[in-house]
N, C-alpha and C. Protein backbone atom coordinates (compact mmCIF):
# COMPACT_ATOMS: atom_id res chain seq x y z
N MET A 1 -21.48 -72.25 61.10
CA MET A 1 -22.15 -71.00 60.67
C MET A 1 -23.70 -71.05 60.88
N ALA A 2 -24.11 -70.21 61.64
CA ALA A 2 -25.59 -70.18 61.93
C ALA A 2 -26.27 -69.48 60.74
N TRP A 3 -27.33 -70.08 60.20
CA TRP A 3 -28.03 -69.51 59.09
C TRP A 3 -29.03 -68.47 59.56
N ARG A 4 -29.09 -67.50 58.84
CA ARG A 4 -30.05 -66.38 59.13
C ARG A 4 -31.06 -66.22 58.10
N LEU A 5 -32.23 -65.82 58.40
CA LEU A 5 -33.25 -65.61 57.36
C LEU A 5 -32.78 -64.45 56.47
N LEU A 6 -32.85 -64.68 55.17
CA LEU A 6 -32.30 -63.67 54.28
C LEU A 6 -33.42 -62.70 53.81
N VAL A 7 -34.67 -62.98 53.96
CA VAL A 7 -35.79 -62.01 53.60
C VAL A 7 -36.59 -61.95 54.82
N PRO A 8 -36.32 -60.89 55.65
CA PRO A 8 -37.07 -60.61 56.86
C PRO A 8 -38.57 -60.52 56.54
N GLY A 9 -39.30 -61.15 57.45
CA GLY A 9 -40.82 -61.05 57.33
C GLY A 9 -41.38 -62.20 56.41
N LEU A 10 -40.57 -62.96 55.60
CA LEU A 10 -41.14 -63.89 54.71
C LEU A 10 -41.83 -64.93 55.33
N PRO A 11 -41.37 -65.51 56.54
CA PRO A 11 -42.18 -66.54 57.13
C PRO A 11 -43.56 -66.05 57.53
N LEU A 12 -43.67 -64.82 58.01
CA LEU A 12 -44.89 -64.17 58.31
C LEU A 12 -45.83 -64.22 57.11
N LEU A 13 -45.26 -63.76 55.96
CA LEU A 13 -45.94 -63.64 54.70
C LEU A 13 -46.56 -65.12 54.29
N LEU A 14 -45.63 -66.11 54.54
CA LEU A 14 -46.05 -67.46 54.18
C LEU A 14 -47.20 -67.89 55.02
N ARG A 15 -47.17 -67.55 56.35
CA ARG A 15 -48.26 -68.03 57.19
C ARG A 15 -49.54 -67.31 56.84
N ARG A 16 -49.46 -66.13 56.26
CA ARG A 16 -50.71 -65.38 55.95
C ARG A 16 -51.35 -65.80 54.64
N LEU A 17 -50.66 -66.53 53.86
CA LEU A 17 -51.18 -66.97 52.63
C LEU A 17 -52.33 -67.89 52.85
N PRO A 18 -53.46 -67.62 52.29
CA PRO A 18 -54.65 -68.52 52.42
C PRO A 18 -54.39 -69.86 51.73
N PRO A 19 -55.17 -70.93 52.21
CA PRO A 19 -54.97 -72.25 51.55
C PRO A 19 -55.37 -72.14 50.09
N PRO A 20 -54.84 -73.02 49.29
CA PRO A 20 -54.94 -72.94 47.78
C PRO A 20 -56.53 -72.92 47.38
N ASP A 21 -57.30 -73.56 48.13
CA ASP A 21 -58.75 -73.67 47.70
C ASP A 21 -59.51 -72.30 47.91
N GLN A 22 -58.86 -71.41 48.63
CA GLN A 22 -59.61 -70.18 48.93
C GLN A 22 -59.20 -68.98 47.94
N ILE A 23 -58.29 -69.24 47.04
CA ILE A 23 -57.95 -68.20 46.06
C ILE A 23 -57.54 -68.88 44.74
N GLN A 24 -57.47 -68.02 43.67
CA GLN A 24 -56.96 -68.40 42.39
C GLN A 24 -55.41 -68.64 42.59
N TRP A 25 -55.01 -69.78 43.14
CA TRP A 25 -53.69 -69.93 43.64
C TRP A 25 -52.56 -69.70 42.61
N ASN A 26 -52.61 -70.19 41.46
CA ASN A 26 -51.57 -70.01 40.42
C ASN A 26 -51.44 -68.47 40.07
N GLU A 27 -52.57 -67.84 39.77
CA GLU A 27 -52.44 -66.46 39.44
C GLU A 27 -51.89 -65.58 40.49
N ALA A 28 -52.47 -65.75 41.72
CA ALA A 28 -52.05 -64.88 42.85
C ALA A 28 -50.49 -65.25 43.12
N LEU A 29 -50.09 -66.51 43.14
CA LEU A 29 -48.71 -66.84 43.44
C LEU A 29 -47.86 -66.28 42.35
N THR A 30 -48.16 -66.38 41.14
CA THR A 30 -47.41 -65.87 40.10
C THR A 30 -47.14 -64.32 40.25
N ASN A 31 -48.26 -63.60 40.46
CA ASN A 31 -48.12 -62.21 40.63
C ASN A 31 -47.27 -61.86 41.76
N THR A 32 -47.44 -62.51 42.90
CA THR A 32 -46.56 -62.25 44.05
C THR A 32 -45.07 -62.59 43.78
N LEU A 33 -44.81 -63.74 43.20
CA LEU A 33 -43.50 -64.08 42.95
C LEU A 33 -42.81 -63.08 41.92
N GLN A 34 -43.50 -62.64 40.91
CA GLN A 34 -42.85 -61.75 39.98
C GLN A 34 -42.57 -60.41 40.68
N ALA A 35 -43.45 -59.96 41.53
CA ALA A 35 -43.19 -58.71 42.31
C ALA A 35 -41.99 -58.86 43.19
N LEU A 36 -41.92 -60.03 43.95
CA LEU A 36 -40.83 -60.17 44.91
C LEU A 36 -39.48 -60.17 44.13
N ARG A 37 -39.45 -60.94 43.02
CA ARG A 37 -38.28 -61.14 42.21
C ARG A 37 -37.69 -59.84 41.71
N ASN A 38 -38.63 -58.88 41.36
CA ASN A 38 -38.27 -57.70 40.77
C ASN A 38 -37.70 -56.65 41.81
N VAL A 39 -37.94 -56.93 43.06
CA VAL A 39 -37.55 -55.90 44.06
C VAL A 39 -36.10 -55.63 44.01
N ASN A 40 -35.32 -56.66 44.15
CA ASN A 40 -33.88 -56.57 44.23
C ASN A 40 -33.20 -57.19 43.10
N ALA A 41 -33.85 -57.62 42.06
CA ALA A 41 -33.21 -58.32 40.98
C ALA A 41 -32.05 -57.59 40.30
N SER A 42 -31.06 -58.31 40.02
CA SER A 42 -29.87 -57.62 39.25
C SER A 42 -30.22 -57.42 37.87
N GLY A 43 -29.43 -56.66 37.16
CA GLY A 43 -29.66 -56.42 35.75
C GLY A 43 -29.69 -57.72 34.94
N ALA A 44 -28.75 -58.67 35.30
CA ALA A 44 -28.67 -59.95 34.62
C ALA A 44 -29.84 -60.81 34.88
N ASP A 45 -30.38 -60.76 36.03
CA ASP A 45 -31.57 -61.51 36.39
C ASP A 45 -32.81 -60.88 35.63
N ARG A 46 -32.92 -59.56 35.61
CA ARG A 46 -34.03 -59.06 34.85
C ARG A 46 -33.97 -59.42 33.41
N THR A 47 -32.81 -59.40 32.86
CA THR A 47 -32.65 -59.72 31.36
C THR A 47 -33.15 -61.15 31.15
N VAL A 48 -32.67 -62.08 32.04
CA VAL A 48 -33.11 -63.51 31.87
C VAL A 48 -34.52 -63.69 32.00
N LEU A 49 -35.23 -63.03 33.08
CA LEU A 49 -36.55 -63.18 33.45
C LEU A 49 -37.52 -62.45 32.44
N ALA A 50 -36.87 -61.59 31.62
CA ALA A 50 -37.68 -60.95 30.60
C ALA A 50 -38.11 -62.02 29.52
N ASP A 51 -37.34 -63.13 29.45
CA ASP A 51 -37.73 -64.20 28.51
C ASP A 51 -38.94 -64.94 29.02
N ALA A 52 -39.97 -64.87 28.37
CA ALA A 52 -41.32 -65.43 28.80
C ALA A 52 -41.19 -66.90 29.09
N ARG A 53 -40.40 -67.63 28.32
CA ARG A 53 -40.22 -69.05 28.49
C ARG A 53 -39.63 -69.35 29.81
N ILE A 54 -38.54 -68.62 30.11
CA ILE A 54 -37.77 -68.83 31.46
C ILE A 54 -38.76 -68.39 32.56
N ARG A 55 -39.32 -67.27 32.46
CA ARG A 55 -40.17 -66.78 33.54
C ARG A 55 -41.31 -67.68 33.78
N ASP A 56 -41.97 -68.07 32.73
CA ASP A 56 -43.21 -69.05 32.86
C ASP A 56 -42.75 -70.36 33.43
N THR A 57 -41.55 -70.92 33.03
CA THR A 57 -41.15 -72.13 33.61
C THR A 57 -40.89 -72.03 35.11
N LEU A 58 -40.22 -71.04 35.50
CA LEU A 58 -39.93 -70.69 36.93
C LEU A 58 -41.20 -70.61 37.67
N ASN A 59 -42.08 -69.77 37.12
CA ASN A 59 -43.34 -69.60 37.87
C ASN A 59 -44.19 -70.87 38.05
N ALA A 60 -44.15 -71.68 36.94
CA ALA A 60 -44.93 -72.95 37.05
C ALA A 60 -44.24 -73.89 38.05
N ALA A 61 -42.94 -73.92 38.06
CA ALA A 61 -42.23 -74.82 39.08
C ALA A 61 -42.59 -74.42 40.53
N ILE A 62 -42.50 -73.11 40.68
CA ILE A 62 -42.74 -72.69 42.10
C ILE A 62 -44.25 -72.87 42.46
N ALA A 63 -45.20 -72.54 41.51
CA ALA A 63 -46.54 -72.72 41.81
C ALA A 63 -46.84 -74.20 42.01
N ASP A 64 -46.21 -75.06 41.31
CA ASP A 64 -46.37 -76.50 41.54
C ASP A 64 -45.90 -76.89 42.91
N ALA A 65 -44.73 -76.42 43.25
CA ALA A 65 -44.16 -76.80 44.62
C ALA A 65 -45.02 -76.29 45.80
N LEU A 66 -45.87 -75.21 45.56
CA LEU A 66 -46.63 -74.60 46.56
C LEU A 66 -48.11 -74.95 46.46
N ARG A 67 -48.46 -75.77 45.44
CA ARG A 67 -49.85 -75.95 45.21
C ARG A 67 -50.71 -76.50 46.37
N ASN A 68 -50.06 -77.07 47.30
CA ASN A 68 -50.77 -77.58 48.50
C ASN A 68 -50.55 -76.72 49.76
N GLY A 69 -50.08 -75.56 49.40
CA GLY A 69 -49.89 -74.54 50.55
C GLY A 69 -48.41 -74.30 50.75
N ALA A 70 -48.19 -73.37 51.81
CA ALA A 70 -46.81 -72.94 52.08
C ALA A 70 -46.19 -73.62 53.15
N GLY A 71 -46.71 -74.72 53.69
CA GLY A 71 -46.09 -75.42 54.73
C GLY A 71 -44.68 -75.88 54.47
N GLY A 72 -44.48 -76.52 53.26
CA GLY A 72 -43.14 -76.98 52.85
C GLY A 72 -42.19 -75.74 52.79
N ALA A 73 -42.50 -74.67 52.17
CA ALA A 73 -41.70 -73.50 52.13
C ALA A 73 -41.33 -72.93 53.42
N ARG A 74 -42.29 -73.00 54.26
CA ARG A 74 -42.05 -72.49 55.72
C ARG A 74 -41.09 -73.39 56.42
N GLN A 75 -41.19 -74.71 56.30
CA GLN A 75 -40.31 -75.65 56.95
C GLN A 75 -38.89 -75.42 56.30
N TYR A 76 -38.78 -75.19 55.04
CA TYR A 76 -37.49 -74.95 54.42
C TYR A 76 -36.81 -73.75 54.96
N LEU A 77 -37.58 -72.62 55.14
CA LEU A 77 -37.00 -71.46 55.62
C LEU A 77 -36.57 -71.59 57.07
N LEU A 78 -37.31 -72.37 57.85
CA LEU A 78 -36.97 -72.59 59.28
C LEU A 78 -35.73 -73.41 59.39
N LEU A 79 -35.56 -74.39 58.42
CA LEU A 79 -34.35 -75.19 58.49
C LEU A 79 -33.11 -74.40 58.21
N TYR A 80 -33.29 -73.50 57.26
CA TYR A 80 -32.13 -72.69 56.80
C TYR A 80 -31.89 -71.50 57.85
N SER A 81 -32.73 -71.26 58.79
CA SER A 81 -32.47 -70.19 59.75
C SER A 81 -31.81 -70.67 61.02
N ARG A 82 -31.55 -72.03 61.08
CA ARG A 82 -30.96 -72.60 62.27
C ARG A 82 -29.65 -73.27 61.94
N ASP A 83 -28.76 -73.40 62.97
CA ASP A 83 -27.52 -74.11 62.75
C ASP A 83 -27.89 -75.67 62.55
N TRP A 84 -27.29 -76.36 61.66
CA TRP A 84 -27.59 -77.60 61.35
C TRP A 84 -26.86 -78.64 62.29
N ALA A 85 -25.88 -78.22 62.96
CA ALA A 85 -25.03 -79.09 63.92
C ALA A 85 -24.50 -80.30 63.08
N ILE A 86 -24.06 -80.06 61.95
CA ILE A 86 -23.39 -81.12 61.10
C ILE A 86 -21.81 -80.79 61.09
N PRO A 87 -20.92 -81.73 61.19
CA PRO A 87 -19.59 -81.51 61.11
C PRO A 87 -19.19 -81.35 59.64
N LEU A 88 -19.28 -80.12 59.16
CA LEU A 88 -19.13 -79.90 57.71
C LEU A 88 -17.68 -80.30 57.29
N GLU A 89 -16.71 -80.16 58.16
CA GLU A 89 -15.31 -80.51 57.80
C GLU A 89 -15.28 -82.04 57.49
N ALA A 90 -16.20 -82.74 57.87
CA ALA A 90 -16.13 -84.24 57.57
C ALA A 90 -16.60 -84.55 56.18
N ILE A 91 -17.18 -83.68 55.42
CA ILE A 91 -17.63 -83.92 54.08
C ILE A 91 -16.43 -83.99 53.14
N ASP A 92 -16.25 -85.14 52.56
CA ASP A 92 -15.14 -85.51 51.83
C ASP A 92 -15.35 -85.80 50.30
N LEU A 93 -16.15 -84.80 49.67
CA LEU A 93 -16.48 -84.89 48.30
C LEU A 93 -15.96 -83.58 47.64
N GLN A 94 -15.62 -83.77 46.37
CA GLN A 94 -15.33 -82.50 45.63
C GLN A 94 -16.62 -81.83 45.32
N ILE A 95 -16.74 -80.59 45.65
CA ILE A 95 -17.91 -79.76 45.48
C ILE A 95 -17.58 -78.50 44.89
N ALA A 96 -18.34 -78.04 43.87
CA ALA A 96 -18.14 -76.79 43.24
C ALA A 96 -19.40 -75.90 43.70
N ALA A 97 -19.07 -74.70 44.26
CA ALA A 97 -20.05 -73.73 44.74
C ALA A 97 -20.22 -72.69 43.74
N TRP A 98 -21.17 -72.83 42.77
CA TRP A 98 -21.42 -71.88 41.73
C TRP A 98 -22.19 -70.73 42.22
N HIS A 99 -21.76 -69.63 42.06
CA HIS A 99 -22.46 -68.35 42.56
C HIS A 99 -22.36 -67.13 41.72
N GLY A 100 -23.44 -66.49 41.56
CA GLY A 100 -23.40 -65.21 40.82
C GLY A 100 -23.19 -64.09 41.82
N ALA A 101 -22.17 -63.25 41.57
CA ALA A 101 -21.92 -62.18 42.56
C ALA A 101 -22.98 -61.18 42.53
N ALA A 102 -23.88 -61.12 41.55
CA ALA A 102 -25.01 -60.16 41.56
C ALA A 102 -26.25 -60.81 42.03
N ASP A 103 -26.09 -61.95 42.78
CA ASP A 103 -27.31 -62.57 43.44
C ASP A 103 -27.77 -61.66 44.54
N ALA A 104 -29.01 -61.23 44.43
CA ALA A 104 -29.59 -60.28 45.37
C ALA A 104 -30.20 -61.02 46.59
N ILE A 105 -30.22 -62.34 46.61
CA ILE A 105 -30.90 -63.16 47.63
C ILE A 105 -29.87 -63.75 48.59
N ILE A 106 -28.87 -64.41 48.09
CA ILE A 106 -27.84 -65.11 48.84
C ILE A 106 -26.51 -64.40 48.55
N PRO A 107 -25.95 -63.73 49.56
CA PRO A 107 -24.59 -63.00 49.32
C PRO A 107 -23.49 -63.93 48.88
N VAL A 108 -22.73 -63.33 47.98
CA VAL A 108 -21.58 -64.21 47.45
C VAL A 108 -20.56 -64.61 48.65
N GLY A 109 -20.64 -64.03 49.63
CA GLY A 109 -19.80 -64.35 50.83
C GLY A 109 -20.15 -65.84 51.32
N HIS A 110 -21.31 -66.32 51.01
CA HIS A 110 -21.66 -67.79 51.34
C HIS A 110 -20.72 -68.68 50.57
N ALA A 111 -20.60 -68.43 49.23
CA ALA A 111 -19.66 -69.36 48.45
C ALA A 111 -18.23 -69.32 48.99
N HIS A 112 -17.77 -68.10 49.29
CA HIS A 112 -16.43 -68.03 49.86
C HIS A 112 -16.31 -68.68 51.21
N TRP A 113 -17.37 -68.55 52.04
CA TRP A 113 -17.35 -69.22 53.31
C TRP A 113 -17.19 -70.71 53.14
N TYR A 114 -18.00 -71.33 52.25
CA TYR A 114 -17.91 -72.76 51.99
C TYR A 114 -16.45 -73.07 51.47
N ALA A 115 -16.01 -72.40 50.52
CA ALA A 115 -14.63 -72.68 50.06
C ALA A 115 -13.59 -72.65 51.09
N LYS A 116 -13.77 -71.76 52.15
CA LYS A 116 -12.79 -71.63 53.15
C LYS A 116 -12.92 -72.70 54.25
N ASN A 117 -14.23 -73.12 54.50
CA ASN A 117 -14.49 -74.00 55.62
C ASN A 117 -14.70 -75.42 55.34
N LEU A 118 -14.92 -75.77 54.01
CA LEU A 118 -15.05 -77.19 53.64
C LEU A 118 -13.80 -77.62 53.00
N PRO A 119 -13.38 -78.80 53.14
CA PRO A 119 -12.04 -79.27 52.63
C PRO A 119 -11.98 -79.23 51.11
N LYS A 120 -12.99 -79.65 50.43
CA LYS A 120 -12.85 -79.89 48.99
C LYS A 120 -13.83 -78.99 48.19
N VAL A 121 -14.19 -77.84 48.68
CA VAL A 121 -15.08 -76.94 47.95
C VAL A 121 -14.29 -75.89 47.04
N ARG A 122 -14.67 -75.77 45.94
CA ARG A 122 -14.18 -74.70 45.02
C ARG A 122 -15.26 -73.74 44.73
N ALA A 123 -15.05 -72.41 45.03
CA ALA A 123 -16.03 -71.43 44.72
C ALA A 123 -15.83 -70.95 43.32
N LYS A 124 -16.91 -71.02 42.53
CA LYS A 124 -16.84 -70.51 41.15
C LYS A 124 -17.80 -69.31 41.17
N VAL A 125 -17.19 -68.16 41.14
CA VAL A 125 -18.05 -66.93 41.33
C VAL A 125 -18.00 -66.13 39.93
N PHE A 126 -19.15 -65.73 39.59
CA PHE A 126 -19.30 -65.00 38.29
C PHE A 126 -19.80 -63.66 38.59
N PRO A 127 -18.93 -62.59 38.30
CA PRO A 127 -19.30 -61.25 38.78
C PRO A 127 -20.51 -60.70 38.20
N ASN A 128 -20.83 -60.99 36.97
CA ASN A 128 -22.02 -60.39 36.29
C ASN A 128 -23.22 -61.28 36.23
N GLU A 129 -23.31 -62.30 37.01
CA GLU A 129 -24.46 -63.16 37.04
C GLU A 129 -25.21 -63.07 38.33
N GLY A 130 -26.49 -63.36 38.22
CA GLY A 130 -27.29 -63.23 39.45
C GLY A 130 -27.90 -64.61 39.76
N ARG A 131 -28.93 -64.64 40.59
CA ARG A 131 -29.60 -65.89 41.17
C ARG A 131 -30.22 -66.68 39.93
N PHE A 132 -30.82 -66.10 38.99
CA PHE A 132 -31.56 -66.73 37.96
C PHE A 132 -30.70 -66.74 36.65
N SER A 133 -29.94 -65.75 36.52
CA SER A 133 -29.15 -65.73 35.22
C SER A 133 -28.01 -66.81 35.19
N LEU A 134 -27.33 -67.08 36.35
CA LEU A 134 -26.28 -68.05 36.42
C LEU A 134 -26.64 -69.41 35.86
N PRO A 135 -27.73 -70.06 36.47
CA PRO A 135 -28.07 -71.39 35.99
C PRO A 135 -28.56 -71.41 34.50
N VAL A 136 -29.15 -70.34 34.06
CA VAL A 136 -29.59 -70.28 32.69
C VAL A 136 -28.42 -70.10 31.76
N ARG A 137 -27.48 -69.19 31.98
CA ARG A 137 -26.47 -68.84 31.08
C ARG A 137 -25.28 -69.86 31.21
N LYS A 138 -25.15 -70.56 32.34
CA LYS A 138 -23.99 -71.36 32.56
C LYS A 138 -24.50 -72.81 32.75
N ALA A 139 -25.67 -73.18 32.24
CA ALA A 139 -26.17 -74.56 32.45
C ALA A 139 -25.22 -75.67 31.77
N GLU A 140 -24.83 -75.35 30.63
CA GLU A 140 -23.97 -76.39 30.00
C GLU A 140 -22.67 -76.61 30.83
N ALA A 141 -22.04 -75.54 31.34
CA ALA A 141 -20.74 -75.74 32.09
C ALA A 141 -21.01 -76.35 33.46
N ILE A 142 -22.18 -75.95 34.07
CA ILE A 142 -22.55 -76.64 35.35
C ILE A 142 -22.86 -78.12 35.18
N LEU A 143 -23.55 -78.56 34.12
CA LEU A 143 -23.85 -79.91 33.88
C LEU A 143 -22.58 -80.70 33.66
N ASN A 144 -21.68 -80.23 32.78
CA ASN A 144 -20.41 -80.84 32.53
C ASN A 144 -19.51 -80.97 33.81
N ASP A 145 -19.59 -79.95 34.63
CA ASP A 145 -18.84 -79.96 35.81
C ASP A 145 -19.36 -81.06 36.84
N LEU A 146 -20.75 -81.15 36.88
CA LEU A 146 -21.30 -82.10 37.68
C LEU A 146 -21.01 -83.57 37.21
N LEU A 147 -21.09 -83.73 35.83
CA LEU A 147 -20.63 -85.11 35.30
C LEU A 147 -19.20 -85.47 35.60
N ALA A 148 -18.31 -84.53 35.50
CA ALA A 148 -16.87 -84.74 35.89
C ALA A 148 -16.78 -85.04 37.35
N ARG A 149 -17.45 -84.27 38.16
CA ARG A 149 -17.50 -84.41 39.67
C ARG A 149 -17.93 -85.76 40.07
N ASP A 150 -19.08 -86.28 39.47
CA ASP A 150 -19.61 -87.51 39.84
C ASP A 150 -18.64 -88.66 39.58
N VAL A 151 -18.01 -88.61 38.39
CA VAL A 151 -16.99 -89.60 38.15
C VAL A 151 -15.86 -89.53 39.17
N ASP A 152 -15.38 -88.23 39.42
CA ASP A 152 -14.30 -88.11 40.48
C ASP A 152 -14.73 -88.63 41.79
N ASN A 153 -15.94 -88.40 42.20
CA ASN A 153 -16.53 -88.89 43.46
C ASN A 153 -17.06 -90.33 43.40
N ALA A 154 -16.81 -90.97 42.32
CA ALA A 154 -17.23 -92.41 42.16
C ALA A 154 -18.74 -92.62 42.54
N LEU A 155 -19.56 -91.67 42.18
CA LEU A 155 -21.00 -91.87 42.42
C LEU A 155 -21.67 -92.50 41.26
N LEU A 156 -20.90 -92.56 40.11
CA LEU A 156 -21.41 -93.13 38.80
C LEU A 156 -20.42 -94.18 38.36
N PRO A 157 -20.89 -95.16 37.65
CA PRO A 157 -19.91 -96.08 37.06
C PRO A 157 -19.05 -95.30 36.03
N PRO A 158 -17.84 -95.86 35.83
CA PRO A 158 -17.06 -95.23 34.84
C PRO A 158 -17.60 -95.22 33.40
N VAL A 159 -17.38 -94.13 32.70
CA VAL A 159 -17.87 -94.13 31.32
C VAL A 159 -16.91 -94.86 30.40
N GLN A 160 -17.65 -95.66 29.48
CA GLN A 160 -16.77 -96.52 28.64
C GLN A 160 -16.06 -95.68 27.68
N ALA A 161 -14.70 -96.15 27.37
CA ALA A 161 -13.91 -95.35 26.44
C ALA A 161 -14.64 -95.08 25.09
N GLY A 162 -14.44 -93.82 24.55
CA GLY A 162 -14.98 -93.55 23.26
C GLY A 162 -16.47 -92.98 23.37
N HIS A 163 -16.97 -92.91 24.62
CA HIS A 163 -18.32 -92.30 24.86
C HIS A 163 -18.16 -90.84 25.23
N ASP A 164 -18.88 -89.94 24.56
CA ASP A 164 -18.81 -88.54 24.97
C ASP A 164 -19.98 -88.20 25.86
N VAL A 165 -19.68 -87.80 27.11
CA VAL A 165 -20.84 -87.68 28.01
C VAL A 165 -21.00 -86.12 28.34
N ARG A 166 -20.28 -85.26 27.54
CA ARG A 166 -20.45 -83.88 27.77
C ARG A 166 -21.78 -83.43 27.37
N ILE A 167 -22.31 -82.38 28.10
CA ILE A 167 -23.58 -81.79 27.73
C ILE A 167 -23.30 -80.51 26.78
N ARG A 168 -24.07 -80.47 25.73
CA ARG A 168 -23.96 -79.35 24.90
C ARG A 168 -25.30 -78.52 24.90
N ALA A 169 -25.15 -77.23 24.87
CA ALA A 169 -26.32 -76.47 24.89
C ALA A 169 -27.07 -76.62 23.51
N SER A 170 -28.39 -76.67 23.52
CA SER A 170 -29.10 -76.72 22.33
C SER A 170 -29.00 -75.47 21.53
N GLN A 171 -28.97 -75.66 20.24
CA GLN A 171 -28.86 -74.53 19.29
C GLN A 171 -30.14 -73.83 18.98
């Protein structure tokens, strides 16, 4: 599957961003990100991003990732826009592709494509979740699924009998 850029013109936008020392980087980046997120955000995503703690955490993480410029983000987009030439059918691990059907950035068809084309992928699609709402609302289930998957894939040593390793959402 050849990857296509999902946001036309974004590489051009990233090239035009001035270096961090020429602008108030965090403020400008935060304003830009919030505007971009709201363009196509689903109702579920808008609801989650209305929570200032979640929005501020997301903005801080992205600002930190881009604090030295947009070169890394540009490289990331270029990598995703090309065929990786990897024999995906050779991947022999249990994988869960969690996806919100209301994701306005990555179409849900991608999760279905992986489930169809990779031997051990299970698509877990949630009709009323978006790009940002899914990991926030389903964090406990995602983490528990990862813990179970790591044991199944033998990436972690076995858990001793009697130890509860499930993740519980904080109250």
